[in-house]
Every structure is written in C-alpha cells, then in structure tokens.
N, C-alpha and C. Protein backbone atom coordinates (compact mmCIF):
# COMPACT_ATOMS: atom_id res chain seq x y z
N MET A 1 -70.10 77.56 -10.90
CA MET A 1 -69.41 77.82 -10.02
C MET A 1 -68.16 77.25 -11.00
N LEU A 2 -67.99 76.37 -11.67
CA LEU A 2 -67.04 76.44 -12.59
C LEU A 2 -66.72 77.16 -13.51
N ARG A 3 -67.84 77.85 -14.21
CA ARG A 3 -68.00 78.46 -15.06
C ARG A 3 -67.11 80.10 -14.56
N ALA A 4 -67.72 80.45 -12.94
CA ALA A 4 -66.51 81.40 -12.36
C ALA A 4 -65.09 81.11 -12.45
N ILE A 5 -64.66 80.00 -12.22
CA ILE A 5 -63.13 79.66 -12.04
C ILE A 5 -62.50 79.76 -13.29
N PHE A 6 -63.53 79.48 -14.68
CA PHE A 6 -63.01 79.02 -15.77
C PHE A 6 -63.08 81.08 -16.19
N LEU A 7 -63.72 81.61 -15.82
CA LEU A 7 -63.62 82.90 -16.30
C LEU A 7 -62.64 83.49 -15.77
N LEU A 8 -62.40 83.53 -13.93
CA LEU A 8 -61.08 83.66 -13.39
C LEU A 8 -59.73 83.69 -14.03
N ASN A 9 -59.71 82.51 -14.42
CA ASN A 9 -58.51 81.65 -14.71
C ASN A 9 -58.42 82.11 -16.02
N LEU A 10 -59.22 82.56 -17.19
CA LEU A 10 -59.28 83.35 -18.27
C LEU A 10 -58.98 84.86 -18.23
N LEU A 11 -59.22 85.57 -17.23
CA LEU A 11 -59.39 86.75 -16.66
C LEU A 11 -57.51 86.74 -16.42
N THR A 12 -56.95 86.44 -15.41
CA THR A 12 -55.86 86.16 -14.92
C THR A 12 -54.80 86.04 -15.92
N VAL A 13 -54.80 84.79 -16.49
CA VAL A 13 -53.88 84.47 -17.44
C VAL A 13 -54.21 85.49 -18.63
N GLY A 14 -54.87 86.09 -19.14
CA GLY A 14 -55.02 87.21 -20.29
C GLY A 14 -54.69 88.75 -19.62
N LEU A 15 -54.44 89.03 -18.66
CA LEU A 15 -54.31 90.20 -18.18
C LEU A 15 -52.33 90.13 -17.80
N PHE A 16 -51.84 89.04 -17.19
CA PHE A 16 -50.80 88.61 -16.19
C PHE A 16 -50.04 87.98 -17.35
N TYR A 17 -50.20 87.21 -18.17
CA TYR A 17 -49.08 86.19 -18.95
C TYR A 17 -48.31 86.84 -19.36
N LEU A 18 -48.54 88.39 -20.32
CA LEU A 18 -47.13 89.30 -20.59
C LEU A 18 -46.28 89.67 -19.83
N PRO A 19 -46.91 89.88 -18.92
CA PRO A 19 -45.90 90.38 -17.79
C PRO A 19 -44.93 89.73 -17.04
N GLY A 20 -45.68 88.49 -16.82
CA GLY A 20 -44.96 87.42 -16.61
C GLY A 20 -44.18 86.69 -17.44
N TRP A 21 -44.40 86.50 -18.85
CA TRP A 21 -43.22 86.34 -19.85
C TRP A 21 -42.27 86.75 -19.89
N LEU A 22 -42.38 87.99 -19.75
CA LEU A 22 -41.42 89.03 -20.10
C LEU A 22 -40.26 88.90 -18.89
N LEU A 23 -41.01 89.30 -17.51
CA LEU A 23 -39.94 89.08 -16.34
C LEU A 23 -39.11 88.25 -16.33
N LEU A 24 -40.16 86.72 -16.77
CA LEU A 24 -39.27 85.34 -16.80
C LEU A 24 -38.51 85.05 -17.68
N ARG A 25 -38.36 85.56 -18.75
CA ARG A 25 -37.22 85.47 -19.79
C ARG A 25 -36.11 86.48 -19.59
N VAL A 26 -36.21 87.57 -18.92
CA VAL A 26 -35.11 88.28 -18.43
C VAL A 26 -34.56 87.39 -17.43
N LEU A 27 -35.00 87.34 -16.48
CA LEU A 27 -34.61 86.68 -15.02
C LEU A 27 -33.92 85.28 -15.20
N THR A 28 -34.37 84.40 -16.09
CA THR A 28 -34.04 83.18 -16.67
C THR A 28 -33.34 83.67 -17.60
N LEU A 29 -32.60 84.54 -18.25
CA LEU A 29 -31.99 84.58 -19.60
C LEU A 29 -32.29 83.65 -20.67
N GLY A 30 -33.47 84.11 -21.21
CA GLY A 30 -34.11 83.05 -22.19
C GLY A 30 -34.56 81.87 -22.09
N ARG A 31 -34.68 81.36 -21.19
CA ARG A 31 -34.65 79.89 -21.02
C ARG A 31 -35.92 79.07 -20.58
N TYR A 32 -36.67 80.16 -19.64
CA TYR A 32 -38.20 79.68 -19.53
C TYR A 32 -39.05 81.25 -19.69
N PRO A 33 -40.24 81.01 -20.06
CA PRO A 33 -40.95 79.79 -20.72
C PRO A 33 -40.03 79.65 -21.93
N PRO A 34 -40.35 78.35 -22.33
CA PRO A 34 -39.65 77.73 -23.32
C PRO A 34 -40.62 78.13 -24.56
N ALA A 35 -39.99 78.06 -26.08
CA ALA A 35 -40.35 78.34 -27.24
C ALA A 35 -41.66 77.90 -27.22
N ARG A 36 -42.55 78.32 -28.27
CA ARG A 36 -43.71 78.04 -28.95
C ARG A 36 -43.88 76.46 -28.60
N GLY A 37 -45.09 75.99 -28.33
CA GLY A 37 -45.68 74.42 -28.54
C GLY A 37 -45.23 73.92 -27.71
N GLU A 38 -43.91 73.87 -26.49
CA GLU A 38 -43.53 73.30 -25.60
C GLU A 38 -44.29 73.50 -24.43
N PRO A 39 -44.46 72.46 -23.78
CA PRO A 39 -45.41 72.22 -22.37
C PRO A 39 -44.57 73.18 -21.39
N HIS A 40 -45.56 74.27 -20.80
CA HIS A 40 -45.21 74.86 -19.59
C HIS A 40 -46.31 75.75 -18.51
N SER A 41 -46.26 75.99 -17.68
CA SER A 41 -47.04 76.54 -16.86
C SER A 41 -47.83 77.84 -17.15
N GLU A 42 -48.94 77.72 -17.80
CA GLU A 42 -49.24 78.94 -18.45
C GLU A 42 -50.09 79.97 -16.80
N GLU A 43 -50.48 79.28 -16.13
CA GLU A 43 -50.77 80.21 -15.05
C GLU A 43 -49.54 80.36 -14.08
N ALA A 44 -48.76 79.91 -13.73
CA ALA A 44 -47.32 80.00 -12.98
C ALA A 44 -46.61 81.24 -13.58
N VAL A 45 -46.52 81.50 -14.94
CA VAL A 45 -46.06 82.81 -15.81
C VAL A 45 -47.00 83.49 -15.38
N ALA A 46 -48.47 83.58 -15.53
CA ALA A 46 -49.04 84.47 -15.51
C ALA A 46 -49.27 85.07 -13.88
N PHE A 47 -49.11 84.33 -13.05
CA PHE A 47 -49.35 84.51 -11.52
C PHE A 47 -47.59 85.08 -11.06
N THR A 48 -46.74 84.92 -11.86
CA THR A 48 -45.51 85.63 -11.82
C THR A 48 -45.57 87.36 -12.26
N GLY A 49 -46.14 87.32 -13.42
CA GLY A 49 -46.81 88.71 -14.21
C GLY A 49 -47.58 89.56 -12.87
N MET A 50 -48.54 88.69 -12.16
CA MET A 50 -49.59 89.47 -11.03
C MET A 50 -48.80 89.74 -9.90
N ALA A 51 -47.81 89.02 -9.76
CA ALA A 51 -46.91 89.54 -8.64
C ALA A 51 -46.01 90.73 -8.68
N ALA A 52 -45.50 90.71 -10.12
CA ALA A 52 -44.76 91.76 -10.81
C ALA A 52 -45.24 93.07 -10.22
N VAL A 53 -46.66 93.09 -11.04
CA VAL A 53 -47.24 94.19 -11.12
C VAL A 53 -47.82 94.80 -10.05
N LEU A 54 -48.30 93.86 -8.83
CA LEU A 54 -48.51 93.95 -7.88
C LEU A 54 -47.72 94.81 -6.59
N LEU A 55 -46.44 94.44 -6.94
CA LEU A 55 -45.13 94.71 -6.48
C LEU A 55 -44.65 95.92 -6.87
N ALA A 56 -44.70 96.46 -8.26
CA ALA A 56 -44.41 97.40 -8.98
C ALA A 56 -45.72 98.72 -8.52
N LEU A 57 -46.93 98.23 -8.52
CA LEU A 57 -47.95 99.28 -8.06
C LEU A 57 -47.72 99.84 -6.43
N PHE A 58 -47.20 98.71 -5.39
CA PHE A 58 -47.26 98.69 -4.09
C PHE A 58 -45.62 99.88 -4.25
N ALA A 59 -44.84 99.78 -4.79
CA ALA A 59 -43.45 100.43 -4.70
C ALA A 59 -43.78 102.16 -5.21
N TRP A 60 -44.86 101.94 -6.29
CA TRP A 60 -45.06 103.41 -7.02
C TRP A 60 -45.68 104.19 -5.72
N TRP A 61 -46.92 103.60 -4.96
CA TRP A 61 -47.90 103.81 -3.87
C TRP A 61 -46.55 104.48 -2.95
N LEU A 62 -45.88 103.63 -2.39
CA LEU A 62 -45.23 103.92 -1.39
C LEU A 62 -44.01 105.38 -1.78
N ALA A 63 -43.52 105.32 -3.01
CA ALA A 63 -43.25 106.55 -3.35
C ALA A 63 -43.55 107.99 -3.14
C-alpha cells in the first residue's frame, strides 16, 4: 500500500510540478514557489498544475 502511495505521489509530482510551477510563478509575480533550496510544498504546486491542466482540457472539450 505504501509503495502504491509513493508511486502515485511520484507520478503526480513528476507530471504536474512544472505546469503548476509556471502557473504559480505567473500568478504570484515570481514570489512562489521560492528560489531553489528553500522549502515549499511540492505537492501543492503539483496539484495546482493538475487543476490547471484539467481545467484547460475541460475548456477545450467544451469548445
């Protein structure tokens, strides 16, 4: 069970961290996520990216 949770976390962060990072950098004018090495929630950034990708796909589907 823990292995499955680890793989799901790895998959989620691996796929959606970059879109979330880009979106949050634009929305917060470069303030969040902080520079390299400073602590921040990678999961929160990844879930923001997942939400953005899902919203974009939904908007594309409606068009």
